[in-house]
Amino acid sequence: MAQGLAGVVSVGRLAVIVNTADDFELWGLHISPDLDTVMYTLAGVANPVTGWGVAGDSHATLEALNRYGEDIWFSLGDKDLATHILRTQALGRGESLDQVTNRLAGALGISTTLLPMTNDPVATRIHSGDEILDFQEYFVARRQQDVVDAVSFVGIVEGRPAPGVKDALADATVIVVCPSNPIVSIGPILALPGVCNAIQASDAVKIGVSPIIGGKALKGPADRMLTSLGHEASALGVARIYRDLIDLLVIDEIDRELVEPIRNLGLEVHVSQTVMGDRQDRERFARDLLTAAQRLRSHA
């Protein structure tokens, strides 16, 4: 979604606010999985098969670590490691996460403003039965097999939006809640003190894009997580989560029968082909989304 918008929005007019509650430390390196995935995608260097990491990357360092007896449960390519090394070095000498993110993104030729949600340490915890799991342990090491009974964000109350986040929301003409997991990708951003208030106070058209299509997530555990946490795994369930935050929900053509139930929540609905393939297809959807936003604004 971010790549599609970057292809159709004027240079300097797009800011992407990214979840950092997935960040963790491995082998002494500060890793920001969501930031890196968005950064590599916007730079056009993301692995098209996995959706994360760098295309064509090698794994010689990981293989060497394995020979030393290290558990290589988290895959880091050699080019990917360069990002983590430079980020860790910069943070160690006192740079903030937003500063180093801006510098790395600029070096990759990205004109979009890429903003970590916060510079403060925030960590997602997955509660499953009697266990409390670090997010990457749940998501990668245990392959999302645990039933999610609750989700918490350590440090969220003390966290503050990174510089630029509130300004981006205040200055926006359109705010898009992208089709990511509402609980663990969008949820931490909205849980930061001041973010929801900034969105609600903005004059922008506020649009959500459902990540659930025909009752299923295209990838990841969002559908199972919604169900285990008491939500309906559907576009209607997503609408209920975002109903106080957005003006319009974009749903896939397959969910057309949910238009009226969603409208009954007080939201406008736009039906589109939301499954995105290559860059051209992503830009097609971005144009459609922005046209819906313009239509809604003209009718306001």
C-alpha atoms as a PDB file:
ATOM      1  CA  MET A   1       0.000   0.000   0.000  1.00  0.00           C
ATOM      2  CA  ALA A   2       2.789   2.407   0.902  1.00  0.00           C
ATOM      3  CA  GLN A   3       4.631   1.634  -2.324  1.00  0.00           C
ATOM      4  CA  GLY A   4       1.459   2.189  -4.335  1.00  0.00           C
ATOM      5  CA  LEU A   5       0.837   5.545  -2.684  1.00  0.00           C
ATOM      6  CA  ALA A   6       4.470   6.560  -3.152  1.00  0.00           C
ATOM      7  CA  GLY A   7       4.040   6.016  -6.872  1.00  0.00           C
ATOM      8  CA  VAL A   8       1.042   8.319  -7.260  1.00  0.00           C
ATOM      9  CA  VAL A   9       1.395  10.998  -4.558  1.00  0.00           C
ATOM     10  CA  SER A  10       3.467  14.096  -5.291  1.00  0.00           C
ATOM     11  CA  VAL A  11       7.041  14.017  -4.002  1.00  0.00           C
ATOM     12  CA  GLY A  12       7.200  15.399  -0.477  1.00  0.00           C
ATOM     13  CA  ARG A  13       3.511  14.793   0.229  1.00  0.00           C
ATOM     14  CA  LEU A  14       3.628  11.237   1.592  1.00  0.00           C
ATOM     15  CA  ALA A  15       4.638  10.221   5.103  1.00  0.00           C
ATOM     16  CA  VAL A  16       4.512   6.626   6.327  1.00  0.00           C
ATOM     17  CA  ILE A  17       4.265   6.028  10.081  1.00  0.00           C
ATOM     18  CA  VAL A  18       5.583   2.571  10.954  1.00  0.00           C
ATOM     19  CA  ASN A  19       5.181   0.268  13.933  1.00  0.00           C
ATOM     20  CA  THR A  20       8.311  -0.202  16.055  1.00  0.00           C
ATOM     21  CA  ALA A  21       6.877  -2.450  18.773  1.00  0.00           C
ATOM     22  CA  ASP A  22       8.342  -5.416  16.845  1.00  0.00           C
ATOM     23  CA  ASP A  23      11.881  -4.065  17.322  1.00  0.00           C
ATOM     24  CA  PHE A  24      14.261  -6.334  19.184  1.00  0.00           C
ATOM     25  CA  GLU A  25      17.944  -7.022  19.743  1.00  0.00           C
ATOM     26  CA  LEU A  26      19.790  -9.995  18.255  1.00  0.00           C
ATOM     27  CA  TRP A  27      23.564 -10.583  18.415  1.00  0.00           C
ATOM     28  CA  GLY A  28      23.916  -7.062  19.778  1.00  0.00           C
ATOM     29  CA  LEU A  29      22.119  -5.520  16.806  1.00  0.00           C
ATOM     30  CA  HIS A  30      18.997  -3.342  16.945  1.00  0.00           C
ATOM     31  CA  ILE A  31      16.578  -4.813  14.407  1.00  0.00           C
ATOM     32  CA  SER A  32      13.448  -2.959  13.251  1.00  0.00           C
ATOM     33  CA  PRO A  33      11.555  -5.521  11.133  1.00  0.00           C
ATOM     34  CA  ASP A  34       8.601  -3.358  10.112  1.00  0.00           C
ATOM     35  CA  LEU A  35      10.695  -0.270   9.389  1.00  0.00           C
ATOM     36  CA  ASP A  36      13.108  -2.318   7.302  1.00  0.00           C
ATOM     37  CA  THR A  37      10.358  -4.033   5.314  1.00  0.00           C
ATOM     38  CA  VAL A  38       8.746  -0.696   4.451  1.00  0.00           C
ATOM     39  CA  MET A  39      12.125   0.893   3.699  1.00  0.00           C
ATOM     40  CA  TYR A  40      13.262  -1.910   1.397  1.00  0.00           C
ATOM     41  CA  THR A  41       9.887  -1.966  -0.354  1.00  0.00           C
ATOM     42  CA  LEU A  42       9.887   1.795  -0.979  1.00  0.00           C
ATOM     43  CA  ALA A  43      13.465   1.543  -2.232  1.00  0.00           C
ATOM     44  CA  GLY A  44      12.474  -1.219  -4.652  1.00  0.00           C
ATOM     45  CA  VAL A  45      14.987  -3.707  -3.208  1.00  0.00           C
ATOM     46  CA  ALA A  46      12.691  -5.927  -1.110  1.00  0.00           C
ATOM     47  CA  ASN A  47      12.661  -9.665  -1.688  1.00  0.00           C
ATOM     48  CA  PRO A  48       9.526 -10.190  -3.818  1.00  0.00           C
ATOM     49  CA  VAL A  49       9.155 -13.807  -2.703  1.00  0.00           C
ATOM     50  CA  THR A  50       9.241 -13.372   1.077  1.00  0.00           C
ATOM     51  CA  GLY A  51       8.067  -9.751   1.233  1.00  0.00           C
ATOM     52  CA  TRP A  52      10.878  -9.002   3.691  1.00  0.00           C
ATOM     53  CA  GLY A  53      14.650  -8.809   3.452  1.00  0.00           C
ATOM     54  CA  VAL A  54      16.671  -7.749   0.416  1.00  0.00           C
ATOM     55  CA  ALA A  55      16.231  -9.293  -3.027  1.00  0.00           C
ATOM     56  CA  GLY A  56      19.099 -11.555  -4.060  1.00  0.00           C
ATOM     57  CA  ASP A  57      20.726 -11.433  -0.638  1.00  0.00           C
ATOM     58  CA  SER A  58      23.276 -14.015   0.478  1.00  0.00           C
ATOM     59  CA  HIS A  59      23.483 -15.600   3.929  1.00  0.00           C
ATOM     60  CA  ALA A  60      27.177 -16.325   4.423  1.00  0.00           C
ATOM     61  CA  THR A  61      27.256 -14.611   7.832  1.00  0.00           C
ATOM     62  CA  LEU A  62      24.253 -16.579   9.039  1.00  0.00           C
ATOM     63  CA  GLU A  63      25.856 -19.825   7.854  1.00  0.00           C
ATOM     64  CA  ALA A  64      29.046 -18.939   9.737  1.00  0.00           C
ATOM     65  CA  LEU A  65      27.056 -18.215  12.896  1.00  0.00           C
ATOM     66  CA  ASN A  66      25.396 -21.601  12.522  1.00  0.00           C
ATOM     67  CA  ARG A  67      28.798 -23.277  12.323  1.00  0.00           C
ATOM     68  CA  TYR A  68      29.675 -21.625  15.615  1.00  0.00           C
ATOM     69  CA  GLY A  69      26.614 -23.268  17.130  1.00  0.00           C
ATOM     70  CA  GLU A  70      24.275 -20.271  17.130  1.00  0.00           C
ATOM     71  CA  ASP A  71      20.550 -20.820  16.735  1.00  0.00           C
ATOM     72  CA  ILE A  72      19.795 -19.015  13.472  1.00  0.00           C
ATOM     73  CA  TRP A  73      16.036 -18.886  14.007  1.00  0.00           C
ATOM     74  CA  PHE A  74      15.823 -15.338  12.601  1.00  0.00           C
ATOM     75  CA  SER A  75      17.009 -14.987   9.017  1.00  0.00           C
ATOM     76  CA  LEU A  76      19.340 -12.046   8.333  1.00  0.00           C
ATOM     77  CA  GLY A  77      20.900 -11.642   4.909  1.00  0.00           C
ATOM     78  CA  ASP A  78      24.355 -10.167   4.449  1.00  0.00           C
ATOM     79  CA  LYS A  79      23.092  -6.941   2.827  1.00  0.00           C
ATOM     80  CA  ASP A  80      20.347  -6.744   5.433  1.00  0.00           C
ATOM     81  CA  LEU A  81      22.983  -6.924   8.164  1.00  0.00           C
ATOM     82  CA  ALA A  82      24.495  -3.677   6.918  1.00  0.00           C
ATOM     83  CA  THR A  83      21.277  -1.878   7.860  1.00  0.00           C
ATOM     84  CA  HIS A  84      21.287  -3.300  11.380  1.00  0.00           C
ATOM     85  CA  ILE A  85      24.994  -2.619  11.916  1.00  0.00           C
ATOM     86  CA  LEU A  86      24.684   1.031  10.911  1.00  0.00           C
ATOM     87  CA  ARG A  87      21.459   1.532  12.892  1.00  0.00           C
ATOM     88  CA  THR A  88      22.981   0.005  16.037  1.00  0.00           C
ATOM     89  CA  GLN A  89      26.137   2.072  15.665  1.00  0.00           C
ATOM     90  CA  ALA A  90      24.136   5.285  15.210  1.00  0.00           C
ATOM     91  CA  LEU A  91      21.869   4.591  18.178  1.00  0.00           C
ATOM     92  CA  GLY A  92      24.929   3.802  20.279  1.00  0.00           C
ATOM     93  CA  ARG A  93      26.445   7.200  19.571  1.00  0.00           C
ATOM     94  CA  GLY A  94      23.273   9.009  20.539  1.00  0.00           C
ATOM     95  CA  GLU A  95      21.262   9.355  17.334  1.00  0.00           C
ATOM     96  CA  SER A  96      17.519   8.808  17.651  1.00  0.00           C
ATOM     97  CA  LEU A  97      15.685   6.128  15.691  1.00  0.00           C
ATOM     98  CA  ASP A  98      13.912   8.702  13.524  1.00  0.00           C
ATOM     99  CA  GLN A  99      17.240  10.363  12.654  1.00  0.00           C
ATOM    100  CA  VAL A 100      18.974   7.167  11.605  1.00  0.00           C
ATOM    101  CA  THR A 101      15.863   5.994   9.723  1.00  0.00           C
ATOM    102  CA  ASN A 102      15.822   9.237   7.753  1.00  0.00           C
ATOM    103  CA  ARG A 103      19.498   8.875   6.910  1.00  0.00           C
ATOM    104  CA  LEU A 104      19.233   5.227   5.821  1.00  0.00           C
ATOM    105  CA  ALA A 105      16.121   5.893   3.744  1.00  0.00           C
ATOM    106  CA  GLY A 106      17.802   8.845   2.069  1.00  0.00           C
ATOM    107  CA  ALA A 107      20.823   6.720   1.177  1.00  0.00           C
ATOM    108  CA  LEU A 108      18.468   4.276  -0.558  1.00  0.00           C
ATOM    109  CA  GLY A 109      16.935   7.080  -2.621  1.00  0.00           C
ATOM    110  CA  ILE A 110      13.574   7.145  -0.848  1.00  0.00           C
ATOM    111  CA  SER A 111      11.758  10.480  -1.160  1.00  0.00           C
ATOM    112  CA  THR A 112       8.853   9.426   1.070  1.00  0.00           C
ATOM    113  CA  THR A 113       9.088  10.552   4.695  1.00  0.00           C
ATOM    114  CA  LEU A 114       9.568   7.368   6.705  1.00  0.00           C
ATOM    115  CA  LEU A 115       8.713   7.805  10.383  1.00  0.00           C
ATOM    116  CA  PRO A 116       9.119   5.299  13.210  1.00  0.00           C
ATOM    117  CA  MET A 117       6.071   5.616  15.431  1.00  0.00           C
ATOM    118  CA  THR A 118       8.307   6.393  18.431  1.00  0.00           C
ATOM    119  CA  ASN A 119      11.944   6.722  19.458  1.00  0.00           C
ATOM    120  CA  ASP A 120      11.088   5.181  22.821  1.00  0.00           C
ATOM    121  CA  PRO A 121      11.408   1.457  23.581  1.00  0.00           C
ATOM    122  CA  VAL A 122       8.053  -0.289  23.143  1.00  0.00           C
ATOM    123  CA  ALA A 123       7.672  -4.062  22.901  1.00  0.00           C
ATOM    124  CA  THR A 124       4.754  -6.261  21.900  1.00  0.00           C
ATOM    125  CA  ARG A 125       4.075  -9.211  24.168  1.00  0.00           C
ATOM    126  CA  ILE A 126       1.874 -12.158  23.208  1.00  0.00           C
ATOM    127  CA  HIS A 127      -0.039 -13.829  26.017  1.00  0.00           C
ATOM    128  CA  SER A 128      -0.824 -17.485  25.315  1.00  0.00           C
ATOM    129  CA  GLY A 129      -2.086 -19.591  28.192  1.00  0.00           C
ATOM    130  CA  ASP A 130       0.435 -19.244  31.006  1.00  0.00           C
ATOM    131  CA  GLU A 131       3.182 -17.988  28.690  1.00  0.00           C
ATOM    132  CA  ILE A 132       4.166 -14.451  27.766  1.00  0.00           C
ATOM    133  CA  LEU A 133       6.120 -14.419  24.522  1.00  0.00           C
ATOM    134  CA  ASP A 134       8.268 -11.768  22.895  1.00  0.00           C
ATOM    135  CA  PHE A 135       6.645 -10.921  19.585  1.00  0.00           C
ATOM    136  CA  GLN A 136       9.433 -12.324  17.397  1.00  0.00           C
ATOM    137  CA  GLU A 137       9.467 -15.528  19.440  1.00  0.00           C
ATOM    138  CA  TYR A 138       5.759 -15.944  18.699  1.00  0.00           C
ATOM    139  CA  PHE A 139       5.876 -14.708  15.114  1.00  0.00           C
ATOM    140  CA  VAL A 140       9.117 -16.216  13.786  1.00  0.00           C
ATOM    141  CA  ALA A 141      10.551 -18.811  16.155  1.00  0.00           C
ATOM    142  CA  ARG A 142       7.196 -20.466  16.937  1.00  0.00           C
ATOM    143  CA  ARG A 143       5.633 -19.633  13.544  1.00  0.00           C
ATOM    144  CA  GLN A 144       2.462 -18.051  14.967  1.00  0.00           C
ATOM    145  CA  GLN A 145       1.173 -21.422  16.160  1.00  0.00           C
ATOM    146  CA  ASP A 146       0.275 -20.278  19.689  1.00  0.00           C
ATOM    147  CA  VAL A 147      -3.281 -19.216  20.442  1.00  0.00           C
ATOM    148  CA  VAL A 148      -3.249 -15.501  21.257  1.00  0.00           C
ATOM    149  CA  ASP A 149      -5.243 -14.830  24.417  1.00  0.00           C
ATOM    150  CA  ALA A 150      -4.124 -11.235  24.881  1.00  0.00           C
ATOM    151  CA  VAL A 151      -1.655  -8.694  23.524  1.00  0.00           C
ATOM    152  CA  SER A 152       0.164  -6.040  25.525  1.00  0.00           C
ATOM    153  CA  PHE A 153       2.625  -3.295  24.654  1.00  0.00           C
ATOM    154  CA  VAL A 154       5.373  -2.833  27.211  1.00  0.00           C
ATOM    155  CA  GLY A 155       6.408   0.808  27.563  1.00  0.00           C
ATOM    156  CA  ILE A 156       3.509   2.171  25.530  1.00  0.00           C
ATOM    157  CA  VAL A 157       2.221   4.462  28.280  1.00  0.00           C
ATOM    158  CA  GLU A 158       5.630   6.109  28.638  1.00  0.00           C
ATOM    159  CA  GLY A 159       6.188   6.266  24.879  1.00  0.00           C
ATOM    160  CA  ARG A 160       5.743   9.402  22.832  1.00  0.00           C
ATOM    161  CA  PRO A 161       5.263   9.800  19.084  1.00  0.00           C
ATOM    162  CA  ALA A 162       8.526  10.392  17.254  1.00  0.00           C
ATOM    163  CA  PRO A 163       9.206  13.885  15.903  1.00  0.00           C
ATOM    164  CA  GLY A 164       7.157  14.447  12.792  1.00  0.00           C
ATOM    165  CA  VAL A 165       4.398  11.955  13.543  1.00  0.00           C
ATOM    166  CA  LYS A 166       1.823  14.390  14.912  1.00  0.00           C
ATOM    167  CA  ASP A 167       2.752  17.017  12.322  1.00  0.00           C
ATOM    168  CA  ALA A 168       2.252  14.494   9.517  1.00  0.00           C
ATOM    169  CA  LEU A 169      -1.212  13.659  10.818  1.00  0.00           C
ATOM    170  CA  ALA A 170      -2.143  17.312  11.305  1.00  0.00           C
ATOM    171  CA  ASP A 171      -0.957  18.326   7.822  1.00  0.00           C
ATOM    172  CA  ALA A 172      -2.479  15.382   5.940  1.00  0.00           C
ATOM    173  CA  THR A 173      -5.383  15.717   3.520  1.00  0.00           C
ATOM    174  CA  VAL A 174      -5.836  11.932   3.553  1.00  0.00           C
ATOM    175  CA  ILE A 175      -4.910   9.518   6.346  1.00  0.00           C
ATOM    176  CA  VAL A 176      -4.781   5.852   5.330  1.00  0.00           C
ATOM    177  CA  VAL A 177      -4.808   3.039   7.864  1.00  0.00           C
ATOM    178  CA  CYS A 178      -3.045   0.482   5.695  1.00  0.00           C
ATOM    179  CA  PRO A 179      -4.113  -3.185   5.444  1.00  0.00           C
ATOM    180  CA  SER A 180      -1.855  -4.501   8.194  1.00  0.00           C
ATOM    181  CA  ASN A 181      -2.742  -6.557  11.244  1.00  0.00           C
ATOM    182  CA  PRO A 182      -5.082  -4.294  13.308  1.00  0.00           C
ATOM    183  CA  ILE A 183      -3.853  -5.759  16.587  1.00  0.00           C
ATOM    184  CA  VAL A 184      -0.054  -5.964  16.390  1.00  0.00           C
ATOM    185  CA  SER A 185       0.910  -3.722  13.449  1.00  0.00           C
ATOM    186  CA  ILE A 186      -1.591  -0.862  13.576  1.00  0.00           C
ATOM    187  CA  GLY A 187      -2.545  -1.360  17.235  1.00  0.00           C
ATOM    188  CA  PRO A 188       0.767  -0.200  18.766  1.00  0.00           C
ATOM    189  CA  ILE A 189       0.723   3.004  16.708  1.00  0.00           C
ATOM    190  CA  LEU A 190      -2.815   3.842  17.808  1.00  0.00           C
ATOM    191  CA  ALA A 191      -1.992   2.965  21.418  1.00  0.00           C
ATOM    192  CA  LEU A 192       0.747   5.600  21.632  1.00  0.00           C
ATOM    193  CA  PRO A 193      -0.461   8.527  23.750  1.00  0.00           C
ATOM    194  CA  GLY A 194      -1.714  11.316  21.523  1.00  0.00           C
ATOM    195  CA  VAL A 195      -1.906   9.467  18.209  1.00  0.00           C
ATOM    196  CA  CYS A 196      -5.636   8.712  18.156  1.00  0.00           C
ATOM    197  CA  ASN A 197      -6.386  12.247  19.315  1.00  0.00           C
ATOM    198  CA  ALA A 198      -4.196  13.626  16.525  1.00  0.00           C
ATOM    199  CA  ILE A 199      -6.023  11.532  13.933  1.00  0.00           C
ATOM    200  CA  GLN A 200      -9.445  12.515  15.217  1.00  0.00           C
ATOM    201  CA  ALA A 201      -8.464  16.210  15.323  1.00  0.00           C
ATOM    202  CA  SER A 202      -7.142  16.165  11.757  1.00  0.00           C
ATOM    203  CA  ASP A 203      -9.241  17.605   8.927  1.00  0.00           C
ATOM    204  CA  ALA A 204      -8.051  14.787   6.671  1.00  0.00           C
ATOM    205  CA  VAL A 205     -10.308  12.198   5.087  1.00  0.00           C
ATOM    206  CA  LYS A 206      -9.610   9.081   7.150  1.00  0.00           C
ATOM    207  CA  ILE A 207      -9.629   5.792   5.287  1.00  0.00           C
ATOM    208  CA  GLY A 208      -9.077   2.258   6.525  1.00  0.00           C
ATOM    209  CA  VAL A 209      -8.243  -0.646   4.229  1.00  0.00           C
ATOM    210  CA  SER A 210      -9.411  -4.043   5.444  1.00  0.00           C
ATOM    211  CA  PRO A 211      -6.636  -6.642   5.699  1.00  0.00           C
ATOM    212  CA  ILE A 212      -9.290  -9.367   5.930  1.00  0.00           C
ATOM    213  CA  ILE A 213     -10.681 -10.608   2.623  1.00  0.00           C
ATOM    214  CA  GLY A 214     -13.395 -13.240   2.572  1.00  0.00           C
ATOM    215  CA  GLY A 215     -12.768 -13.904   6.259  1.00  0.00           C
ATOM    216  CA  LYS A 216      -9.055 -14.590   5.764  1.00  0.00           C
ATOM    217  CA  ALA A 217      -5.783 -12.695   5.991  1.00  0.00           C
ATOM    218  CA  LEU A 218      -3.684 -12.872   2.826  1.00  0.00           C
ATOM    219  CA  LYS A 219      -0.649 -13.577   5.006  1.00  0.00           C
ATOM    220  CA  GLY A 220       0.124 -13.719   8.696  1.00  0.00           C
ATOM    221  CA  PRO A 221      -2.090 -14.583  11.659  1.00  0.00           C
ATOM    222  CA  ALA A 222      -4.447 -11.572  11.660  1.00  0.00           C
ATOM    223  CA  ASP A 223      -7.606 -13.626  11.073  1.00  0.00           C
ATOM    224  CA  ARG A 224      -6.788 -16.177  13.790  1.00  0.00           C
ATOM    225  CA  MET A 225      -5.670 -13.442  16.158  1.00  0.00           C
ATOM    226  CA  LEU A 226      -8.876 -11.445  15.684  1.00  0.00           C
ATOM    227  CA  THR A 227     -10.961 -14.532  16.398  1.00  0.00           C
ATOM    228  CA  SER A 228      -9.051 -15.589  19.516  1.00  0.00           C
ATOM    229  CA  LEU A 229      -9.283 -12.038  20.884  1.00  0.00           C
ATOM    230  CA  GLY A 230     -13.059 -11.921  20.490  1.00  0.00           C
ATOM    231  CA  HIS A 231     -13.345  -9.996  17.227  1.00  0.00           C
ATOM    232  CA  GLU A 232     -15.013 -11.119  14.037  1.00  0.00           C
ATOM    233  CA  ALA A 233     -12.467 -12.105  11.389  1.00  0.00           C
ATOM    234  CA  SER A 234     -14.091 -10.149   8.587  1.00  0.00           C
ATOM    235  CA  ALA A 235     -14.140  -6.711   7.019  1.00  0.00           C
ATOM    236  CA  LEU A 236     -17.079  -5.988   9.333  1.00  0.00           C
ATOM    237  CA  GLY A 237     -14.948  -6.939  12.333  1.00  0.00           C
ATOM    238  CA  VAL A 238     -12.240  -4.559  11.112  1.00  0.00           C
ATOM    239  CA  ALA A 239     -14.865  -1.828  10.690  1.00  0.00           C
ATOM    240  CA  ARG A 240     -15.932  -2.262  14.309  1.00  0.00           C
ATOM    241  CA  ILE A 241     -12.327  -1.851  15.482  1.00  0.00           C
ATOM    242  CA  TYR A 242     -11.761   1.346  13.466  1.00  0.00           C
ATOM    243  CA  ARG A 243     -15.279   2.812  13.575  1.00  0.00           C
ATOM    244  CA  ASP A 244     -14.385   5.736  15.861  1.00  0.00           C
ATOM    245  CA  LEU A 245     -11.247   6.596  13.900  1.00  0.00           C
ATOM    246  CA  ILE A 246     -12.073   6.497  10.197  1.00  0.00           C
ATOM    247  CA  ASP A 247     -14.665   7.921   7.804  1.00  0.00           C
ATOM    248  CA  LEU A 248     -14.512   5.223   5.138  1.00  0.00           C
ATOM    249  CA  LEU A 249     -13.509   1.572   4.960  1.00  0.00           C
ATOM    250  CA  VAL A 250     -12.220   0.043   1.752  1.00  0.00           C
ATOM    251  CA  ILE A 251     -13.190  -3.604   1.355  1.00  0.00           C
ATOM    252  CA  ASP A 252     -12.598  -6.195  -1.333  1.00  0.00           C
ATOM    253  CA  GLU A 253     -15.131  -7.067  -4.005  1.00  0.00           C
ATOM    254  CA  ILE A 254     -15.565 -10.506  -2.451  1.00  0.00           C
ATOM    255  CA  ASP A 255     -16.989  -8.845   0.683  1.00  0.00           C
ATOM    256  CA  ARG A 256     -19.572  -6.753  -1.126  1.00  0.00           C
ATOM    257  CA  GLU A 257     -22.385  -8.234   0.983  1.00  0.00           C
ATOM    258  CA  LEU A 258     -20.895  -6.486   4.030  1.00  0.00           C
ATOM    259  CA  VAL A 259     -21.469  -2.983   2.630  1.00  0.00           C
ATOM    260  CA  GLU A 260     -24.765  -2.384   4.415  1.00  0.00           C
ATOM    261  CA  PRO A 261     -23.715  -3.838   7.798  1.00  0.00           C
ATOM    262  CA  ILE A 262     -20.647  -1.607   7.717  1.00  0.00           C
ATOM    263  CA  ARG A 263     -22.699   1.429   6.734  1.00  0.00           C
ATOM    264  CA  ASN A 264     -24.977   0.676   9.678  1.00  0.00           C
ATOM    265  CA  LEU A 265     -21.940   1.380  11.893  1.00  0.00           C
ATOM    266  CA  GLY A 266     -21.877   4.925  10.530  1.00  0.00           C
ATOM    267  CA  LEU A 267     -19.026   4.407   8.067  1.00  0.00           C
ATOM    268  CA  GLU A 268     -18.881   4.972   4.342  1.00  0.00           C
ATOM    269  CA  VAL A 269     -17.746   1.971   2.311  1.00  0.00           C
ATOM    270  CA  HIS A 270     -15.770   1.706  -0.918  1.00  0.00           C
ATOM    271  CA  VAL A 271     -15.591  -1.638  -2.723  1.00  0.00           C
ATOM    272  CA  SER A 272     -12.439  -2.291  -4.733  1.00  0.00           C
ATOM    273  CA  GLN A 273     -10.030  -4.962  -5.866  1.00  0.00           C
ATOM    274  CA  THR A 274      -7.796  -4.774  -2.819  1.00  0.00           C
ATOM    275  CA  VAL A 275      -5.439  -7.675  -3.525  1.00  0.00           C
ATOM    276  CA  MET A 276      -2.250  -6.041  -4.795  1.00  0.00           C
ATOM    277  CA  GLY A 277       0.291  -7.713  -7.055  1.00  0.00           C
ATOM    278  CA  ASP A 278       3.186  -5.869  -8.684  1.00  0.00           C
ATOM    279  CA  ARG A 279       4.040  -2.183  -8.359  1.00  0.00           C
ATOM    280  CA  GLN A 280       1.709  -1.218 -11.205  1.00  0.00           C
ATOM    281  CA  ASP A 281      -1.169  -2.994  -9.495  1.00  0.00           C
ATOM    282  CA  ARG A 282      -0.349  -1.312  -6.179  1.00  0.00           C
ATOM    283  CA  GLU A 283      -0.427   2.081  -7.870  1.00  0.00           C
ATOM    284  CA  ARG A 284      -3.753   1.173  -9.495  1.00  0.00           C
ATOM    285  CA  PHE A 285      -5.244   0.516  -6.072  1.00  0.00           C
ATOM    286  CA  ALA A 286      -3.668   3.661  -4.600  1.00  0.00           C
ATOM    287  CA  ARG A 287      -5.285   5.806  -7.309  1.00  0.00           C
ATOM    288  CA  ASP A 288      -8.633   4.147  -6.672  1.00  0.00           C
ATOM    289  CA  LEU A 289      -8.308   4.781  -2.937  1.00  0.00           C
ATOM    290  CA  LEU A 290      -7.417   8.446  -3.416  1.00  0.00           C
ATOM    291  CA  THR A 291     -10.310   8.898  -5.841  1.00  0.00           C
ATOM    292  CA  ALA A 292     -12.647   7.522  -3.165  1.00  0.00           C
ATOM    293  CA  ALA A 293     -11.153   9.962  -0.681  1.00  0.00           C
ATOM    294  CA  GLN A 294     -11.680  12.887  -3.047  1.00  0.00           C
ATOM    295  CA  ARG A 295     -15.261  11.816  -3.681  1.00  0.00           C
ATOM    296  CA  LEU A 296     -15.951  11.629   0.040  1.00  0.00           C
ATOM    297  CA  ARG A 297     -14.412  15.066   0.619  1.00  0.00           C
ATOM    298  CA  SER A 298     -16.476  16.638  -2.161  1.00  0.00           C
ATOM    299  CA  HIS A 299     -19.673  15.262  -0.626  1.00  0.00           C
ATOM    300  CA  ALA A 300     -18.808  16.360   2.903  1.00  0.00           C
END
